[in-house]
Amino acid sequence: MDAIHLEDLAFFAFHGLHDEEARLGQRFIVDVTCWADLAPAAASDSYPDTVCYAGLTQAIEQAVTQTRFNLIERLAGAIAEAIFAADERIERTRVRVHKPGAPLPIAAGKVSVEITRDRPALTS
């Protein structure tokens, strides 16, 4: 399956367990891979045949900035849900959320969470 990558998307939001995180907010970096069949776009060179990168970015932005979560694990899940809602052609997505300002007990370090999800099957 073909893939589209969106990397280093930066957002300011208020996620986290601590009161300071809710009050002050911080920067989050999001990397996304979306798997879809891009053969129609590759053959036609026609915009309607591909996934709209701007639409994906807007869906991710809404997921990151419009709801507050305690855990970046849940934030990553919300981003995956928003991606599937944004374009029905996306079959699988991998979401990585980086929290550069995570409160760690050491002076330096990085925290990120990565999830991979397949499009949920429709139930009838």
N, C-alpha and C. Protein backbone atom coordinates (compact mmCIF):
# COMPACT_ATOMS: atom_id res chain seq x y z
N MET A 1 0.84 -1.17 0.00
CA MET A 1 0.00 0.00 0.00
C MET A 1 0.90 1.25 0.00
N ASP A 2 0.40 2.30 -0.61
CA ASP A 2 1.13 3.55 -0.72
C ASP A 2 0.98 4.37 0.56
N ALA A 3 1.87 5.34 0.75
CA ALA A 3 1.86 6.11 1.99
C ALA A 3 2.05 7.59 1.73
N ILE A 4 1.39 8.39 2.54
CA ILE A 4 1.59 9.83 2.60
C ILE A 4 2.13 10.14 4.00
N HIS A 5 3.17 10.96 4.07
CA HIS A 5 3.78 11.31 5.35
C HIS A 5 3.60 12.81 5.61
N LEU A 6 3.14 13.15 6.77
CA LEU A 6 3.13 14.53 7.25
C LEU A 6 4.01 14.54 8.49
N GLU A 7 5.03 15.38 8.50
CA GLU A 7 6.01 15.34 9.58
C GLU A 7 6.23 16.72 10.19
N ASP A 8 6.55 16.71 11.47
CA ASP A 8 6.91 17.92 12.21
C ASP A 8 5.80 18.96 12.22
N LEU A 9 4.55 18.51 12.32
CA LEU A 9 3.43 19.44 12.48
C LEU A 9 3.44 19.92 13.92
N ALA A 10 3.56 21.22 14.12
CA ALA A 10 3.69 21.78 15.47
C ALA A 10 2.40 22.49 15.87
N PHE A 11 1.94 22.19 17.09
CA PHE A 11 0.72 22.77 17.63
C PHE A 11 0.94 23.17 19.07
N PHE A 12 0.26 24.21 19.51
CA PHE A 12 0.28 24.60 20.91
C PHE A 12 -1.05 24.16 21.51
N ALA A 13 -0.97 23.39 22.61
CA ALA A 13 -2.19 22.86 23.23
C ALA A 13 -1.96 22.67 24.72
N PHE A 14 -2.96 22.14 25.41
CA PHE A 14 -2.99 22.12 26.87
C PHE A 14 -3.15 20.72 27.45
N HIS A 15 -2.53 19.72 26.84
CA HIS A 15 -2.66 18.34 27.28
C HIS A 15 -1.69 18.03 28.41
N GLY A 16 -2.10 17.12 29.30
CA GLY A 16 -1.22 16.67 30.36
C GLY A 16 -1.95 16.50 31.67
N LEU A 17 -1.34 15.76 32.58
CA LEU A 17 -1.93 15.47 33.88
C LEU A 17 -1.82 16.62 34.87
N HIS A 18 -0.79 17.43 34.73
CA HIS A 18 -0.48 18.43 35.74
C HIS A 18 -1.23 19.73 35.52
N ASP A 19 -1.58 20.40 36.61
CA ASP A 19 -2.30 21.67 36.54
C ASP A 19 -1.55 22.70 35.70
N GLU A 20 -0.22 22.73 35.81
CA GLU A 20 0.57 23.69 35.04
C GLU A 20 0.40 23.47 33.54
N GLU A 21 0.31 22.20 33.13
CA GLU A 21 0.14 21.90 31.71
C GLU A 21 -1.21 22.40 31.20
N ALA A 22 -2.22 22.26 32.03
CA ALA A 22 -3.56 22.74 31.65
C ALA A 22 -3.60 24.26 31.61
N ARG A 23 -2.87 24.89 32.50
CA ARG A 23 -2.91 26.34 32.60
C ARG A 23 -1.99 27.02 31.58
N LEU A 24 -0.77 26.51 31.43
CA LEU A 24 0.22 27.18 30.60
C LEU A 24 0.28 26.66 29.17
N GLY A 25 -0.06 25.39 28.98
CA GLY A 25 0.04 24.79 27.65
C GLY A 25 1.49 24.55 27.25
N GLN A 26 1.65 23.91 26.10
CA GLN A 26 2.97 23.62 25.57
C GLN A 26 2.87 23.19 24.12
N ARG A 27 4.02 23.03 23.51
CA ARG A 27 4.09 22.64 22.10
C ARG A 27 4.06 21.12 21.98
N PHE A 28 3.35 20.66 20.98
CA PHE A 28 3.30 19.24 20.62
C PHE A 28 3.68 19.13 19.15
N ILE A 29 4.46 18.09 18.83
CA ILE A 29 4.87 17.83 17.45
C ILE A 29 4.22 16.51 17.02
N VAL A 30 3.64 16.51 15.83
CA VAL A 30 2.92 15.33 15.35
C VAL A 30 3.50 14.90 14.01
N ASP A 31 3.79 13.60 13.91
CA ASP A 31 4.18 12.96 12.65
C ASP A 31 3.11 11.93 12.32
N VAL A 32 2.71 11.90 11.06
CA VAL A 32 1.64 10.99 10.65
C VAL A 32 2.03 10.31 9.35
N THR A 33 1.73 9.03 9.26
CA THR A 33 1.79 8.30 8.00
C THR A 33 0.39 7.75 7.74
N CYS A 34 -0.09 7.97 6.53
CA CYS A 34 -1.41 7.46 6.13
C CYS A 34 -1.22 6.56 4.93
N TRP A 35 -1.75 5.34 5.04
CA TRP A 35 -1.67 4.40 3.93
C TRP A 35 -2.99 4.40 3.16
N ALA A 36 -2.86 4.52 1.86
CA ALA A 36 -4.02 4.51 0.96
C ALA A 36 -3.54 4.09 -0.42
N ASP A 37 -4.47 3.74 -1.27
CA ASP A 37 -4.14 3.40 -2.64
C ASP A 37 -3.99 4.71 -3.44
N LEU A 38 -2.76 5.05 -3.76
CA LEU A 38 -2.49 6.27 -4.51
C LEU A 38 -2.33 6.02 -6.00
N ALA A 39 -2.60 4.80 -6.45
CA ALA A 39 -2.48 4.47 -7.87
C ALA A 39 -3.37 5.34 -8.75
N PRO A 40 -4.63 5.60 -8.37
CA PRO A 40 -5.45 6.47 -9.22
C PRO A 40 -4.82 7.85 -9.43
N ALA A 41 -4.28 8.45 -8.38
CA ALA A 41 -3.64 9.77 -8.51
C ALA A 41 -2.35 9.68 -9.33
N ALA A 42 -1.59 8.61 -9.12
CA ALA A 42 -0.35 8.44 -9.87
C ALA A 42 -0.62 8.28 -11.37
N ALA A 43 -1.74 7.66 -11.72
CA ALA A 43 -2.09 7.46 -13.13
C ALA A 43 -2.72 8.70 -13.75
N SER A 44 -3.56 9.40 -12.99
CA SER A 44 -4.34 10.49 -13.57
C SER A 44 -3.70 11.88 -13.44
N ASP A 45 -2.83 12.06 -12.44
CA ASP A 45 -2.28 13.38 -12.11
C ASP A 45 -3.41 14.37 -11.83
N SER A 46 -4.48 13.86 -11.22
CA SER A 46 -5.67 14.66 -10.94
C SER A 46 -5.88 14.80 -9.43
N TYR A 47 -6.04 16.03 -8.99
CA TYR A 47 -6.16 16.33 -7.56
C TYR A 47 -7.27 15.54 -6.86
N PRO A 48 -8.45 15.40 -7.42
CA PRO A 48 -9.51 14.66 -6.71
C PRO A 48 -9.17 13.18 -6.47
N ASP A 49 -8.16 12.67 -7.14
CA ASP A 49 -7.80 11.26 -6.98
C ASP A 49 -6.83 11.01 -5.84
N THR A 50 -6.42 12.05 -5.13
CA THR A 50 -5.50 11.85 -4.01
C THR A 50 -6.10 12.35 -2.71
N VAL A 51 -5.41 12.09 -1.64
CA VAL A 51 -5.79 12.57 -0.31
C VAL A 51 -5.30 14.00 -0.17
N CYS A 52 -6.13 14.88 0.31
CA CYS A 52 -5.79 16.28 0.46
C CYS A 52 -4.93 16.48 1.71
N TYR A 53 -3.68 16.89 1.51
CA TYR A 53 -2.76 17.10 2.64
C TYR A 53 -3.26 18.22 3.56
N ALA A 54 -3.80 19.27 2.96
CA ALA A 54 -4.31 20.39 3.77
C ALA A 54 -5.49 19.94 4.63
N GLY A 55 -6.37 19.13 4.05
CA GLY A 55 -7.50 18.61 4.82
C GLY A 55 -7.06 17.73 5.97
N LEU A 56 -6.05 16.91 5.73
CA LEU A 56 -5.50 16.07 6.81
C LEU A 56 -4.91 16.94 7.91
N THR A 57 -4.15 17.95 7.51
CA THR A 57 -3.52 18.83 8.49
C THR A 57 -4.57 19.55 9.32
N GLN A 58 -5.63 20.00 8.70
CA GLN A 58 -6.70 20.68 9.44
C GLN A 58 -7.40 19.72 10.41
N ALA A 59 -7.62 18.49 9.98
CA ALA A 59 -8.25 17.50 10.87
C ALA A 59 -7.35 17.21 12.08
N ILE A 60 -6.06 17.10 11.84
CA ILE A 60 -5.11 16.87 12.93
C ILE A 60 -5.09 18.07 13.87
N GLU A 61 -5.06 19.26 13.31
CA GLU A 61 -5.06 20.48 14.13
C GLU A 61 -6.30 20.53 15.04
N GLN A 62 -7.46 20.21 14.50
CA GLN A 62 -8.68 20.20 15.30
C GLN A 62 -8.57 19.20 16.45
N ALA A 63 -8.06 18.00 16.14
CA ALA A 63 -7.93 16.97 17.18
C ALA A 63 -6.98 17.41 18.28
N VAL A 64 -5.90 18.10 17.92
CA VAL A 64 -4.90 18.50 18.91
C VAL A 64 -5.36 19.70 19.73
N THR A 65 -6.03 20.64 19.10
CA THR A 65 -6.28 21.92 19.78
C THR A 65 -7.68 22.10 20.35
N GLN A 66 -8.64 21.27 19.97
CA GLN A 66 -10.02 21.53 20.37
C GLN A 66 -10.48 20.76 21.61
N THR A 67 -9.76 19.74 22.00
CA THR A 67 -10.12 18.94 23.18
C THR A 67 -8.87 18.74 24.02
N ARG A 68 -9.02 18.79 25.32
CA ARG A 68 -7.89 18.58 26.23
C ARG A 68 -7.87 17.14 26.71
N PHE A 69 -6.69 16.51 26.65
CA PHE A 69 -6.52 15.15 27.13
C PHE A 69 -5.46 15.10 28.21
N ASN A 70 -5.62 14.18 29.14
CA ASN A 70 -4.59 13.97 30.16
C ASN A 70 -3.36 13.27 29.58
N LEU A 71 -3.60 12.32 28.67
CA LEU A 71 -2.52 11.47 28.15
C LEU A 71 -2.28 11.71 26.67
N ILE A 72 -1.01 11.70 26.27
CA ILE A 72 -0.74 11.82 24.84
C ILE A 72 -1.11 10.54 24.11
N GLU A 73 -1.26 9.44 24.82
CA GLU A 73 -1.77 8.21 24.20
C GLU A 73 -3.18 8.45 23.68
N ARG A 74 -4.01 9.12 24.47
CA ARG A 74 -5.38 9.42 24.04
C ARG A 74 -5.38 10.45 22.92
N LEU A 75 -4.49 11.42 23.02
CA LEU A 75 -4.36 12.41 21.95
C LEU A 75 -4.03 11.73 20.63
N ALA A 76 -3.09 10.80 20.66
CA ALA A 76 -2.73 10.06 19.44
C ALA A 76 -3.94 9.31 18.89
N GLY A 77 -4.73 8.70 19.77
CA GLY A 77 -5.93 8.00 19.33
C GLY A 77 -6.94 8.94 18.70
N ALA A 78 -7.10 10.13 19.27
CA ALA A 78 -8.03 11.12 18.72
C ALA A 78 -7.56 11.59 17.34
N ILE A 79 -6.26 11.73 17.18
CA ILE A 79 -5.72 12.12 15.87
C ILE A 79 -6.01 11.04 14.84
N ALA A 80 -5.81 9.77 15.20
CA ALA A 80 -6.10 8.67 14.28
C ALA A 80 -7.57 8.69 13.88
N GLU A 81 -8.46 8.89 14.84
CA GLU A 81 -9.89 8.96 14.53
C GLU A 81 -10.20 10.11 13.58
N ALA A 82 -9.57 11.25 13.79
CA ALA A 82 -9.80 12.41 12.92
C ALA A 82 -9.29 12.15 11.50
N ILE A 83 -8.19 11.44 11.39
CA ILE A 83 -7.64 11.11 10.07
C ILE A 83 -8.62 10.22 9.30
N PHE A 84 -9.14 9.20 9.96
CA PHE A 84 -10.09 8.31 9.28
C PHE A 84 -11.36 9.06 8.88
N ALA A 85 -11.78 10.01 9.70
CA ALA A 85 -12.97 10.80 9.37
C ALA A 85 -12.69 11.77 8.22
N ALA A 86 -11.44 12.19 8.06
CA ALA A 86 -11.09 13.18 7.05
C ALA A 86 -11.12 12.63 5.63
N ASP A 87 -10.79 11.35 5.46
CA ASP A 87 -10.77 10.79 4.10
C ASP A 87 -11.00 9.28 4.17
N GLU A 88 -12.05 8.84 3.53
CA GLU A 88 -12.43 7.42 3.59
C GLU A 88 -11.46 6.50 2.86
N ARG A 89 -10.57 7.06 2.06
CA ARG A 89 -9.60 6.22 1.34
C ARG A 89 -8.44 5.78 2.21
N ILE A 90 -8.25 6.40 3.35
CA ILE A 90 -7.14 6.04 4.22
C ILE A 90 -7.49 4.74 4.95
N GLU A 91 -6.65 3.73 4.76
CA GLU A 91 -6.90 2.41 5.33
C GLU A 91 -6.18 2.17 6.65
N ARG A 92 -5.04 2.82 6.83
CA ARG A 92 -4.23 2.64 8.04
C ARG A 92 -3.50 3.95 8.31
N THR A 93 -3.24 4.20 9.58
CA THR A 93 -2.45 5.37 9.93
C THR A 93 -1.52 5.06 11.09
N ARG A 94 -0.39 5.72 11.07
CA ARG A 94 0.54 5.69 12.19
C ARG A 94 0.68 7.14 12.67
N VAL A 95 0.51 7.34 13.96
CA VAL A 95 0.56 8.67 14.55
C VAL A 95 1.63 8.67 15.63
N ARG A 96 2.52 9.63 15.56
CA ARG A 96 3.50 9.82 16.63
C ARG A 96 3.33 11.23 17.18
N VAL A 97 3.13 11.31 18.49
CA VAL A 97 3.00 12.59 19.18
C VAL A 97 4.23 12.78 20.06
N HIS A 98 4.94 13.88 19.80
CA HIS A 98 6.11 14.25 20.60
C HIS A 98 5.69 15.32 21.59
N LYS A 99 6.14 15.17 22.81
CA LYS A 99 5.86 16.16 23.86
C LYS A 99 7.21 16.68 24.36
N PRO A 100 7.76 17.68 23.65
CA PRO A 100 9.11 18.16 24.00
C PRO A 100 9.23 18.69 25.42
N GLY A 101 8.15 19.22 25.98
CA GLY A 101 8.21 19.80 27.31
C GLY A 101 7.69 18.89 28.40
N ALA A 102 7.71 17.60 28.17
CA ALA A 102 7.19 16.66 29.17
C ALA A 102 7.95 16.81 30.48
N PRO A 103 7.22 16.82 31.61
CA PRO A 103 7.90 16.95 32.90
C PRO A 103 8.61 15.65 33.28
N LEU A 104 9.92 15.64 33.07
CA LEU A 104 10.74 14.48 33.39
C LEU A 104 11.61 14.79 34.59
N PRO A 105 12.01 13.78 35.34
CA PRO A 105 12.84 14.02 36.53
C PRO A 105 14.32 14.24 36.22
N ILE A 106 14.65 14.45 34.95
CA ILE A 106 16.03 14.74 34.57
C ILE A 106 16.03 16.01 33.74
N ALA A 107 17.19 16.56 33.51
CA ALA A 107 17.28 17.86 32.83
C ALA A 107 16.94 17.79 31.35
N ALA A 108 17.21 16.69 30.69
CA ALA A 108 16.95 16.60 29.26
C ALA A 108 16.36 15.24 28.94
N GLY A 109 15.64 15.17 27.87
CA GLY A 109 15.05 13.93 27.43
C GLY A 109 13.90 14.21 26.49
N LYS A 110 13.46 13.19 25.81
CA LYS A 110 12.36 13.32 24.86
C LYS A 110 11.31 12.28 25.17
N VAL A 111 10.06 12.66 24.96
CA VAL A 111 8.95 11.74 25.14
C VAL A 111 8.11 11.76 23.88
N SER A 112 7.75 10.60 23.39
CA SER A 112 6.78 10.51 22.30
C SER A 112 6.01 9.20 22.44
N VAL A 113 4.84 9.20 21.86
CA VAL A 113 3.98 8.02 21.81
C VAL A 113 3.66 7.77 20.35
N GLU A 114 3.70 6.51 19.94
CA GLU A 114 3.36 6.14 18.57
C GLU A 114 2.32 5.04 18.59
N ILE A 115 1.27 5.25 17.79
CA ILE A 115 0.24 4.22 17.63
C ILE A 115 0.04 3.95 16.15
N THR A 116 -0.40 2.77 15.82
CA THR A 116 -0.79 2.41 14.46
C THR A 116 -2.19 1.84 14.53
N ARG A 117 -3.05 2.35 13.67
CA ARG A 117 -4.46 1.90 13.67
C ARG A 117 -4.90 1.61 12.24
N ASP A 118 -5.72 0.57 12.11
CA ASP A 118 -6.41 0.28 10.86
C ASP A 118 -7.80 0.89 10.91
N ARG A 119 -8.31 1.26 9.75
CA ARG A 119 -9.66 1.81 9.68
C ARG A 119 -10.63 0.81 10.31
N PRO A 120 -11.46 1.28 11.23
CA PRO A 120 -12.44 0.37 11.83
C PRO A 120 -13.41 -0.17 10.78
N ALA A 121 -13.74 -1.44 10.92
CA ALA A 121 -14.71 -2.06 10.01
C ALA A 121 -16.09 -1.48 10.29
N LEU A 122 -16.85 -1.29 9.24
CA LEU A 122 -18.23 -0.81 9.41
C LEU A 122 -19.09 -1.93 9.96
N THR A 123 -19.91 -1.60 10.92
CA THR A 123 -20.84 -2.59 11.46
C THR A 123 -22.22 -2.28 10.93
N SER A 124 -22.97 -3.33 10.63
CA SER A 124 -24.31 -3.09 10.10
C SER A 124 -25.37 -3.54 11.05
